[in-house]
Amino acid sequence: MKKYEIEIDGQVYHVKVRELPDDAIMTEQPKADSAISTADAALHTEGKTMLAPMAGTILRILVKEGQRVKKGENLIVLEAMKMENEIVADEDGIIRSILVKANDIVESDQPLLIL
């Protein structure tokens, strides 16, 4: 994995880039019905629900649905009290569903994604 610093509109971002093999398959999962709330979607989808550890704003989502992740891999960057907090995978798995998007304001213990 390589680390880069990228500046966009005067804002500096630190990113990690991992090269995937040519035969890596990125599958896309269907999104939850918009009539179902994100909390309900989390309850009706198999997998482990990753919760927001604190209230804040989603800055970046670093993964895509269907992506394989390893334990300790960064999934989401959450800003709380002017600090960037990285939400990491606590086990190996596949991202089944992402329940938030960039700039969403979340509450503590709100479901973020399903692993």
PDB file of N, CA and C in Angstrom:
ATOM      1  N   MET A   1       0.857  -1.165   0.000  1.00  0.00           N
ATOM      2  CA  MET A   1       0.000   0.000   0.000  1.00  0.00           C
ATOM      3  C   MET A   1       0.905   1.230   0.000  1.00  0.00           C
ATOM      4  N   LYS A   2       0.570   2.199  -0.838  1.00  0.00           N
ATOM      5  CA  LYS A   2       1.336   3.436  -0.920  1.00  0.00           C
ATOM      6  C   LYS A   2       0.517   4.574  -0.333  1.00  0.00           C
ATOM      7  N   LYS A   3       1.213   5.529   0.270  1.00  0.00           N
ATOM      8  CA  LYS A   3       0.554   6.693   0.859  1.00  0.00           C
ATOM      9  C   LYS A   3       0.826   7.907  -0.019  1.00  0.00           C
ATOM     10  N   TYR A   4      -0.225   8.719  -0.228  1.00  0.00           N
ATOM     11  CA  TYR A   4      -0.104   9.926  -1.035  1.00  0.00           C
ATOM     12  C   TYR A   4      -0.775  11.078  -0.313  1.00  0.00           C
ATOM     13  N   GLU A   5      -0.333  12.284  -0.647  1.00  0.00           N
ATOM     14  CA  GLU A   5      -0.988  13.494  -0.175  1.00  0.00           C
ATOM     15  C   GLU A   5      -1.583  14.160  -1.396  1.00  0.00           C
ATOM     16  N   ILE A   6      -2.890  14.423  -1.349  1.00  0.00           N
ATOM     17  CA  ILE A   6      -3.594  15.017  -2.480  1.00  0.00           C
ATOM     18  C   ILE A   6      -4.261  16.302  -2.016  1.00  0.00           C
ATOM     19  N   GLU A   7      -4.159  17.356  -2.829  1.00  0.00           N
ATOM     20  CA  GLU A   7      -4.815  18.618  -2.502  1.00  0.00           C
ATOM     21  C   GLU A   7      -5.940  18.856  -3.508  1.00  0.00           C
ATOM     22  N   ILE A   8      -7.142  19.072  -2.980  1.00  0.00           N
ATOM     23  CA  ILE A   8      -8.316  19.340  -3.807  1.00  0.00           C
ATOM     24  C   ILE A   8      -8.969  20.600  -3.276  1.00  0.00           C
ATOM     25  N   ASP A   9      -9.088  21.608  -4.127  1.00  0.00           N
ATOM     26  CA  ASP A   9      -9.689  22.890  -3.739  1.00  0.00           C
ATOM     27  C   ASP A   9      -9.097  23.437  -2.443  1.00  0.00           C
ATOM     28  N   GLY A  10      -7.790  23.330  -2.301  1.00  0.00           N
ATOM     29  CA  GLY A  10      -7.117  23.862  -1.134  1.00  0.00           C
ATOM     30  C   GLY A  10      -7.152  22.969   0.091  1.00  0.00           C
ATOM     31  N   GLN A  11      -7.911  21.886   0.037  1.00  0.00           N
ATOM     32  CA  GLN A  11      -8.004  20.941   1.157  1.00  0.00           C
ATOM     33  C   GLN A  11      -7.026  19.791   0.912  1.00  0.00           C
ATOM     34  N   VAL A  12      -6.171  19.492   1.876  1.00  0.00           N
ATOM     35  CA  VAL A  12      -5.176  18.428   1.738  1.00  0.00           C
ATOM     36  C   VAL A  12      -5.734  17.140   2.335  1.00  0.00           C
ATOM     37  N   TYR A  13      -5.649  16.053   1.555  1.00  0.00           N
ATOM     38  CA  TYR A  13      -6.099  14.737   1.990  1.00  0.00           C
ATOM     39  C   TYR A  13      -4.923  13.770   1.961  1.00  0.00           C
ATOM     40  N   HIS A  14      -4.837  12.920   2.958  1.00  0.00           N
ATOM     41  CA  HIS A  14      -3.844  11.851   2.974  1.00  0.00           C
ATOM     42  C   HIS A  14      -4.572  10.568   2.615  1.00  0.00           C
ATOM     43  N   VAL A  15      -4.104   9.891   1.572  1.00  0.00           N
ATOM     44  CA  VAL A  15      -4.777   8.681   1.101  1.00  0.00           C
ATOM     45  C   VAL A  15      -3.785   7.529   1.017  1.00  0.00           C
ATOM     46  N   LYS A  16      -4.323   6.333   1.155  1.00  0.00           N
ATOM     47  CA  LYS A  16      -3.558   5.114   0.949  1.00  0.00           C
ATOM     48  C   LYS A  16      -4.146   4.431  -0.275  1.00  0.00           C
ATOM     49  N   VAL A  17      -3.269   3.972  -1.179  1.00  0.00           N
ATOM     50  CA  VAL A  17      -3.726   3.342  -2.408  1.00  0.00           C
ATOM     51  C   VAL A  17      -3.168   1.931  -2.455  1.00  0.00           C
ATOM     52  N   ARG A  18      -4.059   0.986  -2.699  1.00  0.00           N
ATOM     53  CA  ARG A  18      -3.663  -0.408  -2.795  1.00  0.00           C
ATOM     54  C   ARG A  18      -3.929  -0.876  -4.212  1.00  0.00           C
ATOM     55  N   GLU A  19      -2.931  -1.480  -4.843  1.00  0.00           N
ATOM     56  CA  GLU A  19      -3.089  -1.983  -6.203  1.00  0.00           C
ATOM     57  C   GLU A  19      -3.797  -3.331  -6.147  1.00  0.00           C
ATOM     58  N   LEU A  20      -4.818  -3.486  -6.991  1.00  0.00           N
ATOM     59  CA  LEU A  20      -5.563  -4.737  -7.071  1.00  0.00           C
ATOM     60  C   LEU A  20      -5.061  -5.543  -8.257  1.00  0.00           C
ATOM     61  N   PRO A  21      -5.132  -6.863  -8.162  1.00  0.00           N
ATOM     62  CA  PRO A  21      -4.749  -7.675  -9.317  1.00  0.00           C
ATOM     63  C   PRO A  21      -5.718  -7.441 -10.468  1.00  0.00           C
ATOM     64  N   ASP A  22      -5.240  -7.672 -11.704  1.00  0.00           N
ATOM     65  CA  ASP A  22      -6.074  -7.441 -12.886  1.00  0.00           C
ATOM     66  C   ASP A  22      -7.359  -8.257 -12.858  1.00  0.00           C
ATOM     67  N   ASP A  23      -7.333  -9.419 -12.216  1.00  0.00           N
ATOM     68  CA  ASP A  23      -8.510 -10.281 -12.222  1.00  0.00           C
ATOM     69  C   ASP A  23      -9.445 -10.028 -11.037  1.00  0.00           C
ATOM     70  N   ALA A  24      -9.195  -8.953 -10.261  1.00  0.00           N
ATOM     71  CA  ALA A  24     -10.061  -8.627  -9.125  1.00  0.00           C
ATOM     72  C   ALA A  24     -11.442  -8.244  -9.638  1.00  0.00           C
ATOM     73  N   ILE A  25     -12.448  -8.808  -9.021  1.00  0.00           N
ATOM     74  CA  ILE A  25     -13.829  -8.551  -9.439  1.00  0.00           C
ATOM     75  C   ILE A  25     -14.491  -7.661  -8.406  1.00  0.00           C
ATOM     76  N   MET A  26     -14.990  -6.525  -8.838  1.00  0.00           N
ATOM     77  CA  MET A  26     -15.717  -5.611  -7.960  1.00  0.00           C
ATOM     78  C   MET A  26     -17.200  -5.792  -8.269  1.00  0.00           C
ATOM     79  N   THR A  27     -17.937  -6.393  -7.342  1.00  0.00           N
ATOM     80  CA  THR A  27     -19.360  -6.601  -7.559  1.00  0.00           C
ATOM     81  C   THR A  27     -20.136  -5.526  -6.845  1.00  0.00           C
ATOM     82  N   GLU A  28     -21.272  -5.196  -7.377  1.00  0.00           N
ATOM     83  CA  GLU A  28     -22.100  -4.163  -6.776  1.00  0.00           C
ATOM     84  C   GLU A  28     -23.346  -4.813  -6.211  1.00  0.00           C
ATOM     85  N   GLN A  29     -23.659  -4.514  -4.968  1.00  0.00           N
ATOM     86  CA  GLN A  29     -24.826  -5.051  -4.292  1.00  0.00           C
ATOM     87  C   GLN A  29     -26.002  -4.106  -4.511  1.00  0.00           C
ATOM     88  N   PRO A  30     -27.218  -4.629  -4.562  1.00  0.00           N
ATOM     89  CA  PRO A  30     -28.370  -3.740  -4.682  1.00  0.00           C
ATOM     90  C   PRO A  30     -28.530  -2.894  -3.425  1.00  0.00           C
ATOM     91  N   LYS A  31     -28.945  -1.658  -3.597  1.00  0.00           N
ATOM     92  CA  LYS A  31     -29.152  -0.745  -2.475  1.00  0.00           C
ATOM     93  C   LYS A  31     -30.457  -1.114  -1.769  1.00  0.00           C
ATOM     94  N   ALA A  32     -30.544  -0.774  -0.478  1.00  0.00           N
ATOM     95  CA  ALA A  32     -31.763  -1.019   0.278  1.00  0.00           C
ATOM     96  C   ALA A  32     -32.881  -0.139  -0.265  1.00  0.00           C
ATOM     97  N   ASP A  33     -34.109  -0.626  -0.189  1.00  0.00           N
ATOM     98  CA  ASP A  33     -35.276   0.135  -0.626  1.00  0.00           C
ATOM     99  C   ASP A  33     -35.316   1.460   0.127  1.00  0.00           C
ATOM    100  N   SER A  34     -35.528   2.551  -0.594  1.00  0.00           N
ATOM    101  CA  SER A  34     -35.488   3.869   0.033  1.00  0.00           C
ATOM    102  C   SER A  34     -36.589   4.049   1.071  1.00  0.00           C
ATOM    103  N   ALA A  35     -37.625   3.216   1.033  1.00  0.00           N
ATOM    104  CA  ALA A  35     -38.691   3.327   2.021  1.00  0.00           C
ATOM    105  C   ALA A  35     -38.259   2.755   3.371  1.00  0.00           C
ATOM    106  N   ILE A  36     -37.162   1.984   3.388  1.00  0.00           N
ATOM    107  CA  ILE A  36     -36.666   1.396   4.619  1.00  0.00           C
ATOM    108  C   ILE A  36     -35.596   2.315   5.195  1.00  0.00           C
ATOM    109  N   SER A  37     -35.684   2.613   6.480  1.00  0.00           N
ATOM    110  CA  SER A  37     -34.666   3.471   7.095  1.00  0.00           C
ATOM    111  C   SER A  37     -33.342   2.726   7.159  1.00  0.00           C
ATOM    112  N   THR A  38     -32.247   3.463   7.336  1.00  0.00           N
ATOM    113  CA  THR A  38     -30.936   2.817   7.392  1.00  0.00           C
ATOM    114  C   THR A  38     -30.851   1.868   8.581  1.00  0.00           C
ATOM    115  N   ALA A  39     -31.472   2.206   9.692  1.00  0.00           N
ATOM    116  CA  ALA A  39     -31.447   1.314  10.850  1.00  0.00           C
ATOM    117  C   ALA A  39     -32.191   0.020  10.537  1.00  0.00           C
ATOM    118  N   ASP A  40     -33.365   0.130   9.870  1.00  0.00           N
ATOM    119  CA  ASP A  40     -34.119  -1.058   9.484  1.00  0.00           C
ATOM    120  C   ASP A  40     -33.335  -1.893   8.482  1.00  0.00           C
ATOM    121  N   ALA A  41     -32.663  -1.235   7.550  1.00  0.00           N
ATOM    122  CA  ALA A  41     -31.861  -1.958   6.559  1.00  0.00           C
ATOM    123  C   ALA A  41     -30.772  -2.751   7.254  1.00  0.00           C
ATOM    124  N   ALA A  42     -30.163  -2.169   8.284  1.00  0.00           N
ATOM    125  CA  ALA A  42     -29.109  -2.866   9.020  1.00  0.00           C
ATOM    126  C   ALA A  42     -29.660  -4.112   9.704  1.00  0.00           C
ATOM    127  N   LEU A  43     -30.892  -4.031  10.198  1.00  0.00           N
ATOM    128  CA  LEU A  43     -31.482  -5.172  10.885  1.00  0.00           C
ATOM    129  C   LEU A  43     -31.871  -6.291   9.932  1.00  0.00           C
ATOM    130  N   HIS A  44     -32.162  -5.966   8.671  1.00  0.00           N
ATOM    131  CA  HIS A  44     -32.647  -6.953   7.719  1.00  0.00           C
ATOM    132  C   HIS A  44     -31.573  -7.480   6.781  1.00  0.00           C
ATOM    133  N   THR A  45     -30.321  -7.146   7.008  1.00  0.00           N
ATOM    134  CA  THR A  45     -29.237  -7.590   6.150  1.00  0.00           C
ATOM    135  C   THR A  45     -28.279  -8.438   6.970  1.00  0.00           C
ATOM    136  N   GLU A  46     -27.890  -9.592   6.422  1.00  0.00           N
ATOM    137  CA  GLU A  46     -26.936 -10.436   7.132  1.00  0.00           C
ATOM    138  C   GLU A  46     -25.582  -9.749   7.195  1.00  0.00           C
ATOM    139  N   GLY A  47     -24.819 -10.066   8.210  1.00  0.00           N
ATOM    140  CA  GLY A  47     -23.488  -9.510   8.339  1.00  0.00           C
ATOM    141  C   GLY A  47     -23.355  -8.737   9.633  1.00  0.00           C
ATOM    142  N   LYS A  48     -22.172  -8.208   9.848  1.00  0.00           N
ATOM    143  CA  LYS A  48     -21.890  -7.442  11.057  1.00  0.00           C
ATOM    144  C   LYS A  48     -22.095  -5.959  10.771  1.00  0.00           C
ATOM    145  N   THR A  49     -22.888  -5.295  11.583  1.00  0.00           N
ATOM    146  CA  THR A  49     -23.150  -3.873  11.413  1.00  0.00           C
ATOM    147  C   THR A  49     -22.076  -3.075  12.142  1.00  0.00           C
ATOM    148  N   MET A  50     -21.399  -2.186  11.406  1.00  0.00           N
ATOM    149  CA  MET A  50     -20.396  -1.297  11.982  1.00  0.00           C
ATOM    150  C   MET A  50     -21.123  -0.020  12.402  1.00  0.00           C
ATOM    151  N   LEU A  51     -20.974   0.365  13.659  1.00  0.00           N
ATOM    152  CA  LEU A  51     -21.675   1.517  14.205  1.00  0.00           C
ATOM    153  C   LEU A  51     -20.739   2.705  14.388  1.00  0.00           C
ATOM    154  N   ALA A  52     -21.306   3.900  14.320  1.00  0.00           N
ATOM    155  CA  ALA A  52     -20.526   5.115  14.585  1.00  0.00           C
ATOM    156  C   ALA A  52     -20.143   5.119  16.062  1.00  0.00           C
ATOM    157  N   PRO A  53     -18.859   5.278  16.381  1.00  0.00           N
ATOM    158  CA  PRO A  53     -18.443   5.289  17.779  1.00  0.00           C
ATOM    159  C   PRO A  53     -18.812   6.594  18.495  1.00  0.00           C
ATOM    160  N   MET A  54     -19.135   7.629  17.702  1.00  0.00           N
ATOM    161  CA  MET A  54     -19.479   8.935  18.265  1.00  0.00           C
ATOM    162  C   MET A  54     -20.266   9.723  17.214  1.00  0.00           C
ATOM    163  N   ALA A  55     -20.910  10.776  17.629  1.00  0.00           N
ATOM    164  CA  ALA A  55     -21.619  11.648  16.695  1.00  0.00           C
ATOM    165  C   ALA A  55     -20.599  12.445  15.891  1.00  0.00           C
ATOM    166  N   GLY A  56     -20.923  12.728  14.645  1.00  0.00           N
ATOM    167  CA  GLY A  56     -20.020  13.503  13.805  1.00  0.00           C
ATOM    168  C   GLY A  56     -20.502  13.573  12.378  1.00  0.00           C
ATOM    169  N   THR A  57     -19.585  13.936  11.470  1.00  0.00           N
ATOM    170  CA  THR A  57     -19.886  14.072  10.042  1.00  0.00           C
ATOM    171  C   THR A  57     -19.013  13.103   9.255  1.00  0.00           C
ATOM    172  N   ILE A  58     -19.617  12.390   8.322  1.00  0.00           N
ATOM    173  CA  ILE A  58     -18.872  11.472   7.460  1.00  0.00           C
ATOM    174  C   ILE A  58     -18.070  12.319   6.471  1.00  0.00           C
ATOM    175  N   LEU A  59     -16.748  12.224   6.525  1.00  0.00           N
ATOM    176  CA  LEU A  59     -15.896  12.964   5.585  1.00  0.00           C
ATOM    177  C   LEU A  59     -15.677  12.171   4.304  1.00  0.00           C
ATOM    178  N   ARG A  60     -15.269  10.906   4.475  1.00  0.00           N
ATOM    179  CA  ARG A  60     -14.951  10.074   3.309  1.00  0.00           C
ATOM    180  C   ARG A  60     -15.345   8.633   3.568  1.00  0.00           C
ATOM    181  N   ILE A  61     -15.780   7.983   2.516  1.00  0.00           N
ATOM    182  CA  ILE A  61     -16.018   6.543   2.554  1.00  0.00           C
ATOM    183  C   ILE A  61     -14.924   5.929   1.695  1.00  0.00           C
ATOM    184  N   LEU A  62     -14.123   5.074   2.291  1.00  0.00           N
ATOM    185  CA  LEU A  62     -12.918   4.572   1.649  1.00  0.00           C
ATOM    186  C   LEU A  62     -13.103   3.221   0.965  1.00  0.00           C
ATOM    187  N   VAL A  63     -14.313   2.665   1.033  1.00  0.00           N
ATOM    188  CA  VAL A  63     -14.580   1.343   0.455  1.00  0.00           C
ATOM    189  C   VAL A  63     -15.821   1.402  -0.424  1.00  0.00           C
ATOM    190  N   LYS A  64     -16.035   0.337  -1.162  1.00  0.00           N
ATOM    191  CA  LYS A  64     -17.223   0.213  -2.017  1.00  0.00           C
ATOM    192  C   LYS A  64     -17.949  -1.076  -1.655  1.00  0.00           C
ATOM    193  N   GLU A  65     -19.229  -1.125  -1.930  1.00  0.00           N
ATOM    194  CA  GLU A  65     -19.981  -2.351  -1.689  1.00  0.00           C
ATOM    195  C   GLU A  65     -19.392  -3.474  -2.529  1.00  0.00           C
ATOM    196  N   GLY A  66     -19.273  -4.648  -1.926  1.00  0.00           N
ATOM    197  CA  GLY A  66     -18.707  -5.801  -2.611  1.00  0.00           C
ATOM    198  C   GLY A  66     -17.203  -5.928  -2.442  1.00  0.00           C
ATOM    199  N   GLN A  67     -16.560  -4.923  -1.883  1.00  0.00           N
ATOM    200  CA  GLN A  67     -15.106  -4.926  -1.717  1.00  0.00           C
ATOM    201  C   GLN A  67     -14.702  -5.818  -0.547  1.00  0.00           C
ATOM    202  N   ARG A  68     -13.643  -6.601  -0.733  1.00  0.00           N
ATOM    203  CA  ARG A  68     -13.068  -7.399   0.354  1.00  0.00           C
ATOM    204  C   ARG A  68     -12.186  -6.495   1.198  1.00  0.00           C
ATOM    205  N   VAL A  69     -12.297  -6.632   2.519  1.00  0.00           N
ATOM    206  CA  VAL A  69     -11.465  -5.853   3.429  1.00  0.00           C
ATOM    207  C   VAL A  69     -10.821  -6.785   4.446  1.00  0.00           C
ATOM    208  N   LYS A  70      -9.698  -6.352   4.962  1.00  0.00           N
ATOM    209  CA  LYS A  70      -8.962  -7.094   5.987  1.00  0.00           C
ATOM    210  C   LYS A  70      -9.146  -6.414   7.337  1.00  0.00           C
ATOM    211  N   LYS A  71      -8.998  -7.177   8.403  1.00  0.00           N
ATOM    212  CA  LYS A  71      -9.067  -6.633   9.751  1.00  0.00           C
ATOM    213  C   LYS A  71      -8.062  -5.486   9.877  1.00  0.00           C
ATOM    214  N   GLY A  72      -8.510  -4.348  10.410  1.00  0.00           N
ATOM    215  CA  GLY A  72      -7.651  -3.190  10.595  1.00  0.00           C
ATOM    216  C   GLY A  72      -7.642  -2.217   9.425  1.00  0.00           C
ATOM    217  N   GLU A  73      -8.275  -2.585   8.307  1.00  0.00           N
ATOM    218  CA  GLU A  73      -8.323  -1.708   7.130  1.00  0.00           C
ATOM    219  C   GLU A  73      -9.284  -0.547   7.373  1.00  0.00           C
ATOM    220  N   ASN A  74      -8.897   0.659   6.947  1.00  0.00           N
ATOM    221  CA  ASN A  74      -9.739   1.845   7.106  1.00  0.00           C
ATOM    222  C   ASN A  74     -10.956   1.751   6.192  1.00  0.00           C
ATOM    223  N   LEU A  75     -12.133   2.049   6.752  1.00  0.00           N
ATOM    224  CA  LEU A  75     -13.385   1.974   6.005  1.00  0.00           C
ATOM    225  C   LEU A  75     -14.000   3.356   5.769  1.00  0.00           C
ATOM    226  N   ILE A  76     -14.057   4.140   6.822  1.00  0.00           N
ATOM    227  CA  ILE A  76     -14.740   5.435   6.779  1.00  0.00           C
ATOM    228  C   ILE A  76     -13.941   6.429   7.612  1.00  0.00           C
ATOM    229  N   VAL A  77     -13.935   7.699   7.197  1.00  0.00           N
ATOM    230  CA  VAL A  77     -13.344   8.770   7.998  1.00  0.00           C
ATOM    231  C   VAL A  77     -14.502   9.611   8.528  1.00  0.00           C
ATOM    232  N   LEU A  78     -14.566   9.713   9.854  1.00  0.00           N
ATOM    233  CA  LEU A  78     -15.628  10.425  10.558  1.00  0.00           C
ATOM    234  C   LEU A  78     -15.004  11.612  11.286  1.00  0.00           C
ATOM    235  N   GLU A  79     -15.517  12.817  11.029  1.00  0.00           N
ATOM    236  CA  GLU A  79     -15.026  14.000  11.736  1.00  0.00           C
ATOM    237  C   GLU A  79     -15.893  14.246  12.958  1.00  0.00           C
ATOM    238  N   ALA A  80     -15.236  14.366  14.104  1.00  0.00           N
ATOM    239  CA  ALA A  80     -15.934  14.679  15.346  1.00  0.00           C
ATOM    240  C   ALA A  80     -15.039  15.613  16.147  1.00  0.00           C
ATOM    241  N   MET A  81     -15.574  16.720  16.582  1.00  0.00           N
ATOM    242  CA  MET A  81     -14.828  17.717  17.367  1.00  0.00           C
ATOM    243  C   MET A  81     -13.549  18.151  16.645  1.00  0.00           C
ATOM    244  N   LYS A  82     -13.675  18.387  15.347  1.00  0.00           N
ATOM    245  CA  LYS A  82     -12.582  18.885  14.495  1.00  0.00           C
ATOM    246  C   LYS A  82     -11.416  17.899  14.376  1.00  0.00           C
ATOM    247  N   MET A  83     -11.675  16.621  14.663  1.00  0.00           N
ATOM    248  CA  MET A  83     -10.658  15.584  14.510  1.00  0.00           C
ATOM    249  C   MET A  83     -11.175  14.516  13.554  1.00  0.00           C
ATOM    250  N   GLU A  84     -10.274  14.003  12.726  1.00  0.00           N
ATOM    251  CA  GLU A  84     -10.633  12.923  11.811  1.00  0.00           C
ATOM    252  C   GLU A  84     -10.418  11.586  12.511  1.00  0.00           C
ATOM    253  N   ASN A  85     -11.457  10.779  12.563  1.00  0.00           N
ATOM    254  CA  ASN A  85     -11.410   9.468  13.206  1.00  0.00           C
ATOM    255  C   ASN A  85     -11.634   8.404  12.142  1.00  0.00           C
ATOM    256  N   GLU A  86     -10.730   7.434  12.079  1.00  0.00           N
ATOM    257  CA  GLU A  86     -10.844   6.376  11.089  1.00  0.00           C
ATOM    258  C   GLU A  86     -11.627   5.210  11.683  1.00  0.00           C
ATOM    259  N   ILE A  87     -12.658   4.794  10.967  1.00  0.00           N
ATOM    260  CA  ILE A  87     -13.431   3.622  11.357  1.00  0.00           C
ATOM    261  C   ILE A  87     -12.795   2.448  10.621  1.00  0.00           C
ATOM    262  N   VAL A  88     -12.334   1.451  11.355  1.00  0.00           N
ATOM    263  CA  VAL A  88     -11.603   0.338  10.756  1.00  0.00           C
ATOM    264  C   VAL A  88     -12.386  -0.960  10.887  1.00  0.00           C
ATOM    265  N   ALA A  89     -12.103  -1.889   9.986  1.00  0.00           N
ATOM    266  CA  ALA A  89     -12.731  -3.205  10.019  1.00  0.00           C
ATOM    267  C   ALA A  89     -12.184  -3.966  11.222  1.00  0.00           C
ATOM    268  N   ASP A  90     -13.079  -4.547  12.010  1.00  0.00           N
ATOM    269  CA  ASP A  90     -12.610  -5.321  13.152  1.00  0.00           C
ATOM    270  C   ASP A  90     -12.510  -6.808  12.831  1.00  0.00           C
ATOM    271  N   GLU A  91     -12.749  -7.146  11.568  1.00  0.00           N
ATOM    272  CA  GLU A  91     -12.567  -8.513  11.089  1.00  0.00           C
ATOM    273  C   GLU A  91     -12.475  -8.502   9.570  1.00  0.00           C
ATOM    274  N   ASP A  92     -11.946  -9.577   8.994  1.00  0.00           N
ATOM    275  CA  ASP A  92     -11.924  -9.721   7.545  1.00  0.00           C
ATOM    276  C   ASP A  92     -13.353  -9.897   7.056  1.00  0.00           C
ATOM    277  N   GLY A  93     -13.647  -9.436   5.844  1.00  0.00           N
ATOM    278  CA  GLY A  93     -14.986  -9.630   5.307  1.00  0.00           C
ATOM    279  C   GLY A  93     -15.191  -8.914   3.991  1.00  0.00           C
ATOM    280  N   ILE A  94     -16.439  -8.841   3.591  1.00  0.00           N
ATOM    281  CA  ILE A  94     -16.857  -8.160   2.360  1.00  0.00           C
ATOM    282  C   ILE A  94     -17.858  -7.084   2.745  1.00  0.00           C
ATOM    283  N   ILE A  95     -17.707  -5.903   2.165  1.00  0.00           N
ATOM    284  CA  ILE A  95     -18.649  -4.811   2.432  1.00  0.00           C
ATOM    285  C   ILE A  95     -19.969  -5.172   1.755  1.00  0.00           C
ATOM    286  N   ARG A  96     -20.979  -5.468   2.562  1.00  0.00           N
ATOM    287  CA  ARG A  96     -22.285  -5.877   2.031  1.00  0.00           C
ATOM    288  C   ARG A  96     -23.162  -4.673   1.688  1.00  0.00           C
ATOM    289  N   SER A  97     -23.105  -3.650   2.540  1.00  0.00           N
ATOM    290  CA  SER A  97     -23.953  -2.484   2.320  1.00  0.00           C
ATOM    291  C   SER A  97     -23.348  -1.265   3.020  1.00  0.00           C
ATOM    292  N   ILE A  98     -23.376  -0.124   2.343  1.00  0.00           N
ATOM    293  CA  ILE A  98     -22.937   1.139   2.938  1.00  0.00           C
ATOM    294  C   ILE A  98     -24.197   1.956   3.199  1.00  0.00           C
ATOM    295  N   LEU A  99     -24.389   2.349   4.445  1.00  0.00           N
ATOM    296  CA  LEU A  99     -25.643   2.974   4.859  1.00  0.00           C
ATOM    297  C   LEU A  99     -25.568   4.487   4.977  1.00  0.00           C
ATOM    298  N   VAL A 100     -24.395   5.065   4.729  1.00  0.00           N
ATOM    299  CA  VAL A 100     -24.210   6.513   4.824  1.00  0.00           C
ATOM    300  C   VAL A 100     -23.474   6.999   3.581  1.00  0.00           C
ATOM    301  N   LYS A 101     -23.406   8.325   3.428  1.00  0.00           N
ATOM    302  CA  LYS A 101     -22.636   8.913   2.326  1.00  0.00           C
ATOM    303  C   LYS A 101     -21.847  10.099   2.873  1.00  0.00           C
ATOM    304  N   ALA A 102     -20.899  10.562   2.094  1.00  0.00           N
ATOM    305  CA  ALA A 102     -20.070  11.704   2.512  1.00  0.00           C
ATOM    306  C   ALA A 102     -20.968  12.885   2.867  1.00  0.00           C
ATOM    307  N   ASN A 103     -20.598  13.597   3.903  1.00  0.00           N
ATOM    308  CA  ASN A 103     -21.290  14.782   4.431  1.00  0.00           C
ATOM    309  C   ASN A 103     -22.529  14.464   5.262  1.00  0.00           C
ATOM    310  N   ASP A 104     -22.871  13.181   5.435  1.00  0.00           N
ATOM    311  CA  ASP A 104     -23.976  12.823   6.324  1.00  0.00           C
ATOM    312  C   ASP A 104     -23.574  13.130   7.762  1.00  0.00           C
ATOM    313  N   ILE A 105     -24.511  13.611   8.539  1.00  0.00           N
ATOM    314  CA  ILE A 105     -24.298  13.801   9.972  1.00  0.00           C
ATOM    315  C   ILE A 105     -24.863  12.556  10.649  1.00  0.00           C
ATOM    316  N   VAL A 106     -24.049  11.932  11.497  1.00  0.00           N
ATOM    317  CA  VAL A 106     -24.464  10.698  12.152  1.00  0.00           C
ATOM    318  C   VAL A 106     -24.438  10.867  13.664  1.00  0.00           C
ATOM    319  N   GLU A 107     -25.231  10.060  14.323  1.00  0.00           N
ATOM    320  CA  GLU A 107     -25.282  10.032  15.784  1.00  0.00           C
ATOM    321  C   GLU A 107     -24.460   8.852  16.287  1.00  0.00           C
ATOM    322  N   SER A 108     -24.095   8.883  17.536  1.00  0.00           N
ATOM    323  CA  SER A 108     -23.386   7.783  18.164  1.00  0.00           C
ATOM    324  C   SER A 108     -24.219   6.508  18.040  1.00  0.00           C
ATOM    325  N   ASP A 109     -23.563   5.405  17.692  1.00  0.00           N
ATOM    326  CA  ASP A 109     -24.185   4.081  17.523  1.00  0.00           C
ATOM    327  C   ASP A 109     -25.106   3.973  16.308  1.00  0.00           C
ATOM    328  N   GLN A 110     -25.049   4.930  15.390  1.00  0.00           N
ATOM    329  CA  GLN A 110     -25.826   4.837  14.155  1.00  0.00           C
ATOM    330  C   GLN A 110     -25.116   3.845  13.232  1.00  0.00           C
ATOM    331  N   PRO A 111     -25.862   2.947  12.567  1.00  0.00           N
ATOM    332  CA  PRO A 111     -25.245   2.011  11.627  1.00  0.00           C
ATOM    333  C   PRO A 111     -24.593   2.759  10.449  1.00  0.00           C
ATOM    334  N   LEU A 112     -23.336   2.398  10.133  1.00  0.00           N
ATOM    335  CA  LEU A 112     -22.600   3.022   9.037  1.00  0.00           C
ATOM    336  C   LEU A 112     -22.520   2.109   7.826  1.00  0.00           C
ATOM    337  N   LEU A 113     -22.203   0.834   8.085  1.00  0.00           N
ATOM    338  CA  LEU A 113     -22.108  -0.128   6.988  1.00  0.00           C
ATOM    339  C   LEU A 113     -22.241  -1.519   7.544  1.00  0.00           C
ATOM    340  N   ILE A 114     -22.461  -2.456   6.644  1.00  0.00           N
ATOM    341  CA  ILE A 114     -22.586  -3.858   7.035  1.00  0.00           C
ATOM    342  C   ILE A 114     -21.463  -4.633   6.396  1.00  0.00           C
ATOM    343  N   LEU A 115     -20.711  -5.331   7.228  1.00  0.00           N
ATOM    344  CA  LEU A 115     -19.535  -6.090   6.802  1.00  0.00           C
ATOM    345  C   LEU A 115     -19.887  -7.555   6.765  1.00  0.00           C
TER     346      LEU A 115
END
